[in-house]
Protein backbone atom coordinates (compact mmCIF):
# COMPACT_ATOMS: atom_id res chain seq x y z
CA MET A 1 44.73 28.99 16.80
CA LEU A 2 43.52 26.31 15.66
CA LYS A 3 44.35 22.89 16.31
CA GLN A 4 44.45 19.79 13.88
CA THR A 5 44.71 16.67 14.49
CA LEU A 6 43.81 12.94 12.73
CA SER A 7 41.45 10.80 14.13
CA GLN A 8 39.87 7.35 12.12
CA LYS A 9 36.72 6.59 11.62
CA LEU A 10 34.90 3.45 10.91
CA LEU A 11 31.83 4.14 9.39
CA GLN A 12 29.09 2.02 7.31
CA LYS A 13 27.98 3.74 4.17
CA LEU A 14 25.48 2.38 0.87
CA SER A 15 26.84 2.21 -2.43
CA PRO A 16 24.52 2.79 -5.17
CA GLN A 17 23.66 -1.06 -6.14
CA GLN A 18 23.33 -1.54 -2.40
CA ILE A 19 20.60 1.41 -2.48
CA GLN A 20 18.95 0.26 -5.67
CA PHE A 21 18.70 -3.33 -4.39
CA ILE A 22 17.03 -1.95 -1.11
CA LYS A 23 14.67 -0.20 -3.22
CA LEU A 24 13.59 -3.07 -5.50
CA LEU A 25 13.32 -4.95 -3.03
CA GLU A 26 10.50 -2.89 -1.24
CA LEU A 27 8.49 -2.80 -4.31
CA ASN A 28 4.97 -5.53 -5.12
CA THR A 29 5.31 -7.00 -8.40
CA LEU A 30 2.94 -4.11 -10.30
CA ASN A 31 5.23 -1.37 -9.08
CA PHE A 32 8.33 -3.60 -9.78
CA GLU A 33 6.69 -3.65 -13.51
CA GLU A 34 6.47 -0.26 -13.92
CA LYS A 35 10.30 0.57 -11.87
CA VAL A 36 11.72 -2.44 -14.82
CA GLU A 37 9.79 -0.36 -17.33
CA GLU A 38 10.91 2.80 -16.26
CA GLU A 39 14.40 1.29 -16.56
CA LEU A 40 14.53 -0.06 -19.80
CA MET A 41 13.40 3.13 -21.15
CA GLU A 42 16.39 5.50 -19.58
CA ASN A 43 18.86 3.06 -20.32
CA PRO A 44 19.76 2.16 -23.62
CA ALA A 45 22.41 -0.44 -22.72
CA LEU A 46 20.13 -2.60 -20.27
CA GLU A 47 17.41 -4.90 -23.01
CA THR A 48 15.01 -7.52 -23.05
CA GLY A 49 15.52 -11.19 -23.49
CA LYS A 50 18.49 -13.88 -22.54
CA GLU A 51 21.76 -15.51 -24.65
CA ASP A 52 21.64 -18.98 -25.69
CA ASP A 53 24.92 -19.08 -23.91
CA ARG A 54 24.58 -17.61 -21.17
CA ASP A 55 21.95 -20.32 -20.28
CA ASP A 56 23.94 -22.97 -18.44
CA ARG A 57 25.55 -20.38 -16.44
CA ASP A 58 22.90 -18.46 -15.76
CA ASP A 59 21.35 -21.84 -14.77
CA ARG A 60 23.66 -23.00 -12.05
CA GLU A 61 23.45 -19.17 -10.95
CA GLU A 62 19.94 -19.36 -9.80
CA SER A 63 19.32 -22.96 -8.56
CA TYR A 64 18.43 -22.38 -4.62
CA ASP A 65 21.19 -23.03 -2.93
CA GLU A 66 20.97 -21.13 0.67
CA ASP A 67 23.88 -21.43 2.37
CA ARG A 68 25.57 -19.65 -0.85
CA PHE A 69 23.11 -17.37 -0.73
CA VAL A 70 23.46 -16.49 2.73
CA ASP A 71 27.58 -16.10 1.89
CA ASP A 72 27.01 -13.84 -1.68
CA TYR A 73 24.32 -11.78 0.46
CA ASP A 74 26.59 -10.78 3.33
CA GLU A 75 29.40 -9.89 0.50
CA ASP A 76 27.46 -7.96 -1.82
CA ILE A 77 25.33 -6.27 0.23
CA TYR A 78 26.67 -5.17 3.59
CA ASP A 79 30.39 -5.05 2.03
CA THR A 80 30.88 -1.32 2.65
CA SER A 81 34.43 -1.26 3.03
CA SER A 82 35.06 -0.37 -0.95
CA SER A 83 33.32 0.71 -4.35
CA ARG A 84 34.16 0.38 -7.95
CA GLU A 85 36.96 2.43 -9.11
CA ASP A 86 36.83 5.26 -10.74
CA ASP A 87 39.48 4.35 -13.59
CA PHE A 88 38.41 1.54 -15.82
CA ASP A 89 39.99 -1.21 -17.81
CA ILE A 90 37.80 -1.39 -21.49
CA THR A 91 38.73 -5.14 -21.56
CA ASP A 92 36.82 -5.34 -18.11
CA TYR A 93 33.60 -5.43 -20.70
CA LEU A 94 35.06 -6.96 -23.20
CA ASN A 95 35.73 -10.29 -21.73
CA GLU A 96 32.55 -9.87 -19.82
CA SER A 97 29.37 -11.76 -21.25
CA GLU A 98 25.77 -10.48 -21.26
CA GLY A 99 24.08 -10.75 -18.37
CA GLY A 100 20.12 -12.01 -18.88
CA ILE A 101 17.99 -13.24 -15.70
CA PRO A 102 16.63 -15.97 -16.73
CA MET A 103 13.47 -18.20 -15.61
CA SER A 104 13.74 -21.23 -13.91
CA SER A 105 11.45 -23.11 -11.52
CA ASP A 106 10.95 -21.04 -8.75
CA TYR A 107 9.08 -18.99 -10.93
CA GLY A 108 5.31 -19.30 -12.13
CA SER A 109 4.04 -20.45 -15.01
CA GLU A 110 3.04 -18.18 -18.65
CA GLU A 111 -0.49 -17.74 -16.99
CA GLU A 112 0.41 -15.16 -14.64
CA ARG A 113 2.10 -12.68 -17.12
CA GLU A 114 -1.48 -11.96 -18.85
CA PRO A 115 -2.57 -8.05 -19.29
CA ILE A 116 -3.01 -6.39 -15.55
CA PRO A 117 -6.55 -5.40 -15.38
CA ILE A 118 -6.73 -1.63 -14.46
CA THR A 119 -9.27 0.67 -14.92
CA SER A 120 -9.65 4.53 -14.28
CA ASP A 121 -12.71 6.55 -14.32
CA ILE A 122 -12.88 9.90 -15.07
CA SER A 123 -11.88 12.61 -12.39
CA PHE A 124 -15.33 13.72 -10.02
CA ARG A 125 -13.74 16.40 -9.89
CA GLU A 126 -14.30 17.00 -14.00
CA LEU A 127 -18.17 15.44 -14.13
CA LEU A 128 -18.59 17.97 -11.18
CA TYR A 129 -17.46 20.89 -13.30
CA GLU A 130 -19.96 19.59 -16.89
CA GLN A 131 -23.19 19.55 -14.04
CA VAL A 132 -21.29 22.90 -12.40
CA ILE A 133 -21.05 24.73 -15.70
CA ALA A 134 -24.42 25.09 -16.99
CA PHE A 135 -25.97 27.00 -14.42
CA LEU A 136 -22.76 29.28 -14.43
CA HIS A 137 -23.35 32.83 -16.52
CA THR A 138 -19.97 34.49 -16.65
CA PRO A 139 -16.74 33.88 -17.16
CA GLU A 140 -15.24 35.28 -13.76
CA GLU A 141 -18.39 32.32 -12.06
CA GLU A 142 -16.04 29.98 -14.17
CA ILE A 143 -13.10 30.59 -12.31
CA LEU A 144 -14.57 30.57 -8.85
CA ALA A 145 -16.38 27.29 -9.57
CA ASP A 146 -12.87 25.91 -11.05
CA GLN A 147 -10.84 27.25 -8.18
CA LEU A 148 -13.47 25.93 -5.38
CA ILE A 149 -14.07 22.70 -7.26
CA GLY A 150 -10.47 22.33 -6.84
CA ASN A 151 -10.39 22.61 -3.48
CA ILE A 152 -12.99 19.91 -2.65
CA GLU A 153 -10.67 16.85 -0.82
CA ASN A 154 -11.39 12.78 -2.59
CA ASP A 155 -13.44 12.12 -0.02
CA GLY A 156 -15.64 15.46 -1.05
CA TYR A 157 -15.73 17.97 2.14
CA ILE A 158 -13.96 20.99 0.85
CA ARG A 159 -12.29 22.22 4.38
CA ARG A 160 -10.14 24.86 3.45
CA PRO A 161 -11.76 28.07 4.64
CA LEU A 162 -13.47 30.38 1.89
CA LYS A 163 -11.67 33.35 2.94
CA ALA A 164 -8.66 31.46 2.15
CA ILE A 165 -10.05 30.58 -1.21
CA VAL A 166 -10.22 35.12 -1.14
CA ASN A 167 -6.82 35.12 -1.36
CA ASP A 168 -5.84 32.46 -3.00
CA LEU A 169 -7.94 33.92 -6.45
CA LEU A 170 -6.62 37.52 -6.18
CA PHE A 171 -2.92 35.91 -5.32
CA SER A 172 -3.23 33.12 -8.54
CA SER A 173 -5.48 34.83 -10.61
CA ASN A 174 -5.48 38.41 -9.60
CA ILE A 175 -9.48 38.15 -9.01
CA ARG A 176 -11.03 39.91 -6.40
CA THR A 177 -14.04 38.26 -4.63
CA THR A 178 -15.69 38.13 -1.46
CA GLU A 179 -16.26 35.39 0.62
CA GLU A 180 -20.22 36.23 -0.25
CA GLU A 181 -19.52 34.49 -4.05
CA LEU A 182 -18.01 31.94 -3.23
CA GLU A 183 -20.73 30.65 -1.23
CA LYS A 184 -23.09 31.53 -3.96
CA ILE A 185 -21.18 29.20 -6.21
CA LEU A 186 -20.61 26.29 -3.54
CA LYS A 187 -24.43 26.31 -3.28
CA ILE A 188 -24.53 25.51 -7.12
CA ILE A 189 -22.23 22.80 -6.63
CA GLN A 190 -23.33 21.39 -3.43
CA ASP A 191 -26.82 21.38 -6.09
CA GLN A 192 -25.30 19.00 -8.04
CA ASP A 193 -24.49 14.63 -7.84
CA PRO A 194 -23.30 13.17 -5.84
CA PRO A 195 -25.33 14.34 -2.74
CA GLY A 196 -22.96 15.59 -0.17
CA ILE A 197 -20.42 17.06 -2.36
CA GLY A 198 -18.54 19.91 -1.40
CA ALA A 199 -20.14 20.62 2.25
CA ARG A 200 -17.56 21.58 4.56
CA THR A 201 -18.22 19.56 7.98
CA LEU A 202 -19.98 15.68 8.12
CA GLN A 203 -23.02 17.65 9.36
CA GLU A 204 -23.41 19.91 7.02
CA CYS A 205 -22.82 16.80 3.88
CA LEU A 206 -25.65 14.52 6.08
CA LEU A 207 -28.51 17.57 6.12
CA LEU A 208 -27.55 17.63 2.16
CA GLN A 209 -28.74 14.67 1.79
CA ILE A 210 -31.52 14.75 3.85
CA ASN A 211 -32.34 17.66 2.11
CA ARG A 212 -31.97 16.12 -0.88
CA LYS A 213 -34.14 13.45 -0.56
CA SER A 214 -37.02 16.15 1.52
CA GLN A 215 -37.17 17.07 -2.14
CA GLU A 216 -38.14 13.98 -3.92
CA ARG A 217 -41.30 13.04 -0.71
CA GLN A 218 -41.73 14.83 2.59
CA THR A 219 -42.23 11.92 5.38
CA PRO A 220 -42.63 12.50 9.44
CA ILE A 221 -38.76 10.34 9.41
CA LEU A 222 -36.95 12.47 7.10
CA LYS A 223 -38.17 15.48 9.04
CA LEU A 224 -37.51 13.69 12.64
CA ALA A 225 -33.70 12.44 10.59
CA ARG A 226 -33.36 16.02 9.84
CA GLU A 227 -34.11 17.98 12.90
CA ILE A 228 -31.75 14.98 14.86
CA VAL A 229 -28.66 16.10 12.75
CA ALA A 230 -29.46 19.78 12.40
CA ASN A 231 -29.76 20.54 16.61
CA PHE A 232 -28.80 16.85 18.37
CA MET A 233 -25.42 15.83 16.21
CA ASP A 234 -23.91 15.42 19.52
CA ASP A 235 -26.34 13.49 21.17
CA PHE A 236 -26.39 11.21 17.77
CA SER A 237 -22.46 10.97 17.35
CA LYS A 238 -22.44 9.55 20.87
CA LYS A 239 -25.66 7.20 20.99
CA HIS A 240 -27.15 9.00 23.56
CA TYR A 241 -30.46 7.57 22.40
CA SER A 242 -32.30 7.82 25.80
CA GLN A 243 -31.87 11.40 25.92
CA LEU A 244 -32.00 11.94 21.88
CA ILE A 245 -36.05 9.89 22.96
CA LYS A 246 -36.31 12.77 26.33
CA LYS A 247 -35.29 15.84 24.29
CA LEU A 248 -37.27 15.16 20.57
CA ASP A 249 -40.35 13.63 22.38
CA VAL A 250 -40.40 10.41 20.56
CA GLU A 251 -41.46 6.58 20.81
CA GLU A 252 -37.66 4.52 20.68
CA ASP A 253 -39.09 3.15 17.24
CA TYR A 254 -39.84 6.55 15.69
CA LEU A 255 -36.42 7.00 16.22
CA LYS A 256 -34.91 3.67 15.34
CA GLU A 257 -36.56 4.63 12.34
CA ALA A 258 -34.73 8.51 11.78
CA ILE A 259 -31.89 7.18 13.26
CA GLU A 260 -31.04 3.71 10.53
CA LEU A 261 -32.45 6.72 7.82
CA ILE A 262 -29.22 8.55 8.77
CA THR A 263 -26.50 5.53 8.75
CA LYS A 264 -27.67 4.47 5.75
CA LEU A 265 -26.36 7.77 3.83
CA ASN A 266 -23.13 8.62 2.72
CA PRO A 267 -20.28 10.08 4.80
CA LYS A 268 -17.57 10.88 1.70
CA PRO A 269 -19.73 11.17 -0.89
CA ALA A 270 -16.98 11.43 -3.22
CA ALA A 271 -16.54 7.79 -2.51
CA SER A 272 -19.53 6.75 -4.13
CA GLY A 273 -17.84 5.21 -7.73
CA LEU A 274 -16.53 8.74 -8.93
CA ASP A 275 -13.67 8.44 -7.15
CA SER A 276 -10.32 10.14 -9.38
CA VAL A 277 -8.08 7.03 -8.40
CA LYS A 278 -7.33 4.31 -10.54
CA ALA A 279 -8.71 0.89 -9.63
CA GLU A 280 -5.79 -1.49 -9.02
CA TYR A 281 -6.13 -5.40 -8.61
CA ILE A 282 -4.10 -7.46 -6.18
CA ILE A 283 -1.60 -8.95 -7.96
CA PRO A 284 0.51 -11.79 -5.58
CA ASP A 285 3.85 -11.92 -5.04
CA PHE A 286 3.77 -15.34 -4.17
CA ILE A 287 2.15 -18.79 -4.74
CA VAL A 288 2.24 -20.75 -2.29
CA LYS A 289 0.11 -24.95 -3.57
CA GLU A 290 -0.90 -27.34 -2.10
CA ARG A 291 0.78 -30.93 -4.14
CA ASP A 292 0.14 -34.14 -2.52
CA GLY A 293 1.03 -33.56 0.71
CA ASP A 294 4.02 -31.03 -0.13
CA LEU A 295 3.85 -27.61 -0.36
CA GLU A 296 5.08 -25.73 -3.45
CA VAL A 297 6.35 -21.97 -3.22
CA SER A 298 7.05 -20.71 -6.46
CA LEU A 299 7.51 -16.53 -7.81
CA ASN A 300 5.18 -15.07 -9.73
CA SER A 301 6.97 -14.76 -13.43
CA ARG A 302 5.92 -10.77 -13.27
CA ASN A 303 8.98 -10.99 -11.03
CA ALA A 304 11.56 -12.54 -13.15
CA PRO A 305 12.05 -10.19 -16.25
CA GLU A 306 14.33 -11.55 -18.98
CA LEU A 307 16.98 -8.29 -19.09
CA LYS A 308 20.50 -8.75 -20.69
CA VAL A 309 23.16 -5.95 -21.32
CA SER A 310 23.51 -4.88 -24.96
CA ARG A 311 25.21 -5.93 -27.63
CA ALA A 312 25.37 -3.04 -29.83
CA TYR A 313 26.72 -0.82 -26.40
CA ILE A 314 29.57 -3.72 -26.19
CA GLU A 315 30.51 -4.34 -30.15
CA THR A 316 30.40 0.09 -29.66
CA LEU A 317 32.38 -0.41 -26.22
CA LYS A 318 35.20 -2.74 -28.09
CA GLY A 319 35.39 -0.55 -30.90
CA TYR A 320 36.41 2.26 -29.23
CA ASP A 321 38.95 0.08 -27.63
CA GLU A 322 40.46 -0.58 -31.05
CA ALA A 323 41.26 2.92 -31.58
CA LYS A 324 45.11 3.74 -31.47
CA LYS A 325 44.98 7.68 -30.51
CA PRO A 326 41.67 7.99 -28.92
CA ASN A 327 40.82 11.39 -28.33
CA LYS A 328 38.50 13.61 -25.73
CA GLU A 329 35.25 13.04 -27.41
CA VAL A 330 36.11 8.66 -27.82
CA LYS A 331 36.87 9.27 -23.78
CA ASP A 332 33.68 11.48 -23.48
CA ALA A 333 32.01 8.63 -25.63
CA VAL A 334 33.44 5.32 -23.54
CA GLN A 335 32.65 6.92 -20.15
CA PHE A 336 29.39 7.94 -21.19
CA ILE A 337 28.83 3.74 -22.53
CA LYS A 338 31.39 2.70 -18.94
CA GLN A 339 28.47 4.35 -17.10
CA LYS A 340 25.81 2.83 -18.69
CA LEU A 341 27.19 -0.62 -18.57
CA ASP A 342 26.86 -0.45 -15.43
CA SER A 343 23.54 0.84 -15.14
CA ALA A 344 22.77 -1.75 -16.49
CA LYS A 345 24.82 -4.70 -14.65
CA TRP A 346 23.88 -3.50 -10.93
CA PHE A 347 20.28 -3.22 -12.03
CA ILE A 348 20.42 -7.14 -13.10
CA ASP A 349 22.26 -7.78 -10.82
CA SER A 350 19.87 -6.33 -7.89
CA ILE A 351 16.92 -7.80 -9.46
CA ARG A 352 18.53 -11.37 -9.62
CA GLN A 353 19.77 -10.48 -5.12
CA ARG A 354 15.80 -9.53 -5.06
CA GLN A 355 14.72 -12.82 -6.29
CA ARG A 356 16.35 -14.91 -4.14
CA THR A 357 15.72 -13.00 -1.37
CA LEU A 358 12.12 -12.58 -1.99
CA MET A 359 12.32 -16.41 -2.37
CA LEU A 360 13.90 -16.85 0.51
CA THR A 361 12.37 -15.01 2.95
CA MET A 362 8.78 -16.16 1.41
CA GLN A 363 10.23 -20.25 2.03
CA ALA A 364 10.88 -18.94 5.76
CA ILE A 365 7.38 -18.36 6.25
CA VAL A 366 5.65 -21.50 4.61
CA ASP A 367 8.45 -23.57 7.02
CA VAL A 368 7.24 -21.61 10.47
CA GLN A 369 3.57 -21.50 9.43
CA HIS A 370 3.46 -25.05 7.44
CA GLU A 371 0.31 -26.37 9.23
CA TYR A 372 -1.79 -22.97 8.37
CA PHE A 373 -0.62 -23.26 4.67
CA LEU A 374 -1.74 -26.58 4.39
CA THR A 375 -4.86 -26.01 5.99
CA GLY A 376 -6.73 -22.46 6.22
CA ASP A 377 -7.48 -22.50 9.70
CA GLU A 378 -6.28 -19.57 11.37
CA ALA A 379 -6.31 -21.15 14.34
CA SER A 380 -3.35 -23.23 13.56
CA LEU A 381 -0.66 -19.73 12.60
CA LYS A 382 2.13 -19.82 15.06
CA PRO A 383 3.23 -17.28 17.01
CA MET A 384 5.80 -15.61 14.74
CA ILE A 385 7.43 -12.34 14.24
CA LEU A 386 10.02 -10.38 11.56
CA LYS A 387 12.71 -11.73 14.21
CA ASP A 388 12.12 -15.21 13.67
CA ILE A 389 12.61 -15.21 9.88
CA ALA A 390 15.74 -13.09 10.21
CA GLU A 391 17.45 -15.27 12.66
CA ARG A 392 16.19 -18.12 10.18
CA VAL A 393 17.74 -16.51 7.22
CA ASN A 394 20.70 -14.59 8.77
CA LEU A 395 19.44 -11.77 7.11
CA ASP A 396 19.10 -8.11 9.01
CA ILE A 397 15.45 -7.43 10.00
CA SER A 398 15.13 -4.26 7.98
CA THR A 399 15.34 -6.71 5.29
CA ILE A 400 12.21 -8.66 5.79
CA SER A 401 10.54 -6.16 7.12
CA ARG A 402 11.17 -4.24 3.28
CA VAL A 403 9.67 -8.32 2.21
CA ALA A 404 6.63 -8.27 4.29
CA SER A 405 5.29 -4.96 3.97
CA SER A 406 3.90 -5.05 0.91
CA LYS A 407 4.08 -8.37 -0.74
CA TYR A 408 0.53 -10.62 -1.13
CA VAL A 409 1.01 -14.93 -1.17
CA GLU A 410 -1.59 -16.27 -3.02
CA THR A 411 -2.95 -19.54 -1.40
CA ASP A 412 -5.24 -22.07 -1.65
CA PHE A 413 -7.40 -20.44 0.80
CA GLY A 414 -7.00 -16.70 -1.12
CA ILE A 415 -4.55 -13.93 -1.57
CA PHE A 416 -2.99 -12.30 1.63
CA LEU A 417 -0.87 -10.09 2.52
CA LEU A 418 2.57 -11.79 3.72
CA LYS A 419 1.75 -9.49 7.06
CA HIS A 420 -1.41 -11.29 7.63
CA PHE A 421 1.06 -14.05 9.03
CA PHE A 422 3.09 -12.27 11.39
CA SER A 423 1.65 -11.69 14.75
CA GLU A 424 2.74 -11.56 18.32
CA GLY A 425 2.77 -14.83 21.12
CA ILE A 426 0.39 -15.48 23.83
CA GLN A 427 0.45 -17.60 26.58
CA THR A 428 -2.26 -19.78 27.67
CA ASP A 429 -3.21 -20.88 30.93
CA SER A 430 -1.97 -24.57 30.60
CA GLY A 431 1.47 -23.38 29.13
CA GLU A 432 0.88 -23.31 25.47
CA GLU A 433 2.04 -20.51 23.00
CA VAL A 434 -0.44 -19.20 20.72
CA SER A 435 -0.81 -16.67 18.41
CA ASN A 436 -2.90 -13.61 19.43
CA LYS A 437 -4.76 -14.04 16.09
CA GLU A 438 -6.22 -16.68 17.40
CA VAL A 439 -7.86 -14.21 20.65
CA LYS A 440 -8.90 -11.93 18.27
CA MET A 441 -11.10 -14.42 16.08
CA ILE A 442 -12.81 -15.54 19.63
CA LEU A 443 -13.09 -11.67 20.33
CA GLN A 444 -14.78 -11.01 17.53
CA GLU A 445 -17.05 -14.21 18.11
CA ALA A 446 -18.01 -12.85 21.22
CA ILE A 447 -18.95 -9.01 19.90
CA GLY A 448 -20.63 -10.69 16.71
CA LYS A 449 -23.28 -12.89 19.10
CA GLU A 450 -23.37 -9.56 21.85
CA ASP A 451 -26.74 -8.09 22.58
CA LYS A 452 -26.53 -5.02 20.81
CA LYS A 453 -28.89 -3.69 23.34
CA LYS A 454 -25.98 -4.49 25.57
CA PRO A 455 -22.73 -5.00 23.88
CA LEU A 456 -20.32 -6.18 26.42
CA THR A 457 -17.93 -3.86 27.54
CA ASP A 458 -13.35 -4.34 27.07
CA GLY A 459 -14.42 -5.93 30.98
CA LYS A 460 -16.88 -8.89 30.01
CA LEU A 461 -15.09 -9.63 27.26
CA MET A 462 -11.94 -9.96 29.26
CA ASP A 463 -13.58 -12.21 31.60
CA ILE A 464 -15.34 -14.18 28.55
CA LEU A 465 -11.45 -14.96 27.30
CA LYS A 466 -9.97 -15.59 30.95
CA GLU A 467 -12.35 -18.13 30.91
CA LYS A 468 -11.67 -19.78 27.48
CA GLY A 469 -8.05 -19.80 29.38
CA TYR A 470 -6.63 -16.64 27.44
CA PRO A 471 -4.92 -14.79 31.14
CA ILE A 472 -5.20 -11.42 29.43
CA ALA A 473 -5.03 -7.81 30.35
CA ARG A 474 -8.16 -5.61 29.87
CA ARG A 475 -6.10 -2.80 29.02
CA THR A 476 -4.50 -5.53 25.60
CA VAL A 477 -8.86 -6.28 24.93
CA ALA A 478 -8.66 -2.69 24.19
CA LYS A 479 -5.86 -2.56 22.11
CA TYR A 480 -6.47 -5.86 20.00
CA ARG A 481 -10.74 -4.63 19.84
CA GLU A 482 -8.82 -1.34 18.27
CA GLN A 483 -6.64 -3.40 16.05
CA LEU A 484 -10.41 -5.01 14.67
CA ASN A 485 -11.69 -1.53 14.12
CA ILE A 486 -14.39 -2.47 16.32
CA PRO A 487 -15.28 0.85 18.02
CA VAL A 488 -16.52 0.49 22.29
CA ALA A 489 -19.76 -0.81 23.64
CA ARG A 490 -21.43 2.69 23.81
CA LEU A 491 -20.88 3.27 20.35
CA ARG A 492 -21.99 -0.25 18.82
CA LYS A 493 -25.07 -0.16 21.12
CA GLU A 494 -28.32 -0.37 19.25
CA LEU A 495 -32.14 0.47 19.92
């Protein structure tokens, strides 16, 4: 027999407004602008501009009061006890003024509102197809070429097996072909520009480029380079130069010239200016400027659009409210308007909350890294983790993470990702705690000055750091080296 019981559970749920705020908080300036434009198109109750009769109230609302903001934030964002009721009173909308978001002194000047310089190039696949079409003779060959080019990845390689592409053509276009036919078309593709396009492996990519150079002029160095790539690729990739000298029976200087030629080849042929991805420019989300020894923090004005609830929708709702006997159609219309008004108000409130959270977080970061923003000296960066800022502003770590993950700040010393200012702390021999960025700078400097014929191992780098007062383990040195995208000593070796 089924036993029924009652139980109480305390659950935390996010309302639609809270989810909307979180999504907006993650966006950088460029994506935020796109989101605002999208919302304006989808919601007719949302308009651009601001109402004069709200200026005084909005100025008071937008004033920067950290204590009040923290209280509002906790109440608005983390209060999950209730949500708006389904039933509503039209007078709630008629008595409330439109919600505009005014510009204030916390935001950058109008100079940042200039059009974003976005450029886009024609897809490298389209350019490639235009080259190949001249060498094709039948409509079927054109379909095969189009299928192959469509399988070329953004770096210029075609990694899908030809056998799988044969099956794709059979199922998608009802075309029966063979791997040999595809190989023939692929050869035509590989003969086009950029050199190396359509390769299936790095080795094939390099060989295609060497062969293209050989067509222009045959030299002993090209011949040696081709032999290295074709027959000794493993030794070359592992930089076993002494073994190459023995196996090829060549002088070291001769081998050095061939290796230099190979290293100048392009391992990603599609990235040579024909990439299909749009070129995007970094748009700073914050501006930090030094003025007479003080630091001024402002939010890019593009993050503060002037938005309001449509007065026309309010007037329409007022007209429905005056109807003596509303029928079903009127009620449906009122419900639709109510949804659009709610959406517009929530969006405006979310933007206002986003602006405050961004400013609060950025100000806290500047307070911690005050010396760096004044001098630009990375050695003055203090150890700082997300938890430190979260505790300063009394917000959740996940909120700080969303702010720092994709936002940029413009300083007197360049534009940086906010993550740049977060680092772990390391204690020196003297007991002082410094940022690990300082250690990374020393590593980069030491590796930059090393003898490339005898590069420094992680053990030797550890000894150098210990001499400078940083007692760091070898595995930590290896971790920092990898974070700097510096290969191991063996792969840094040169002839």
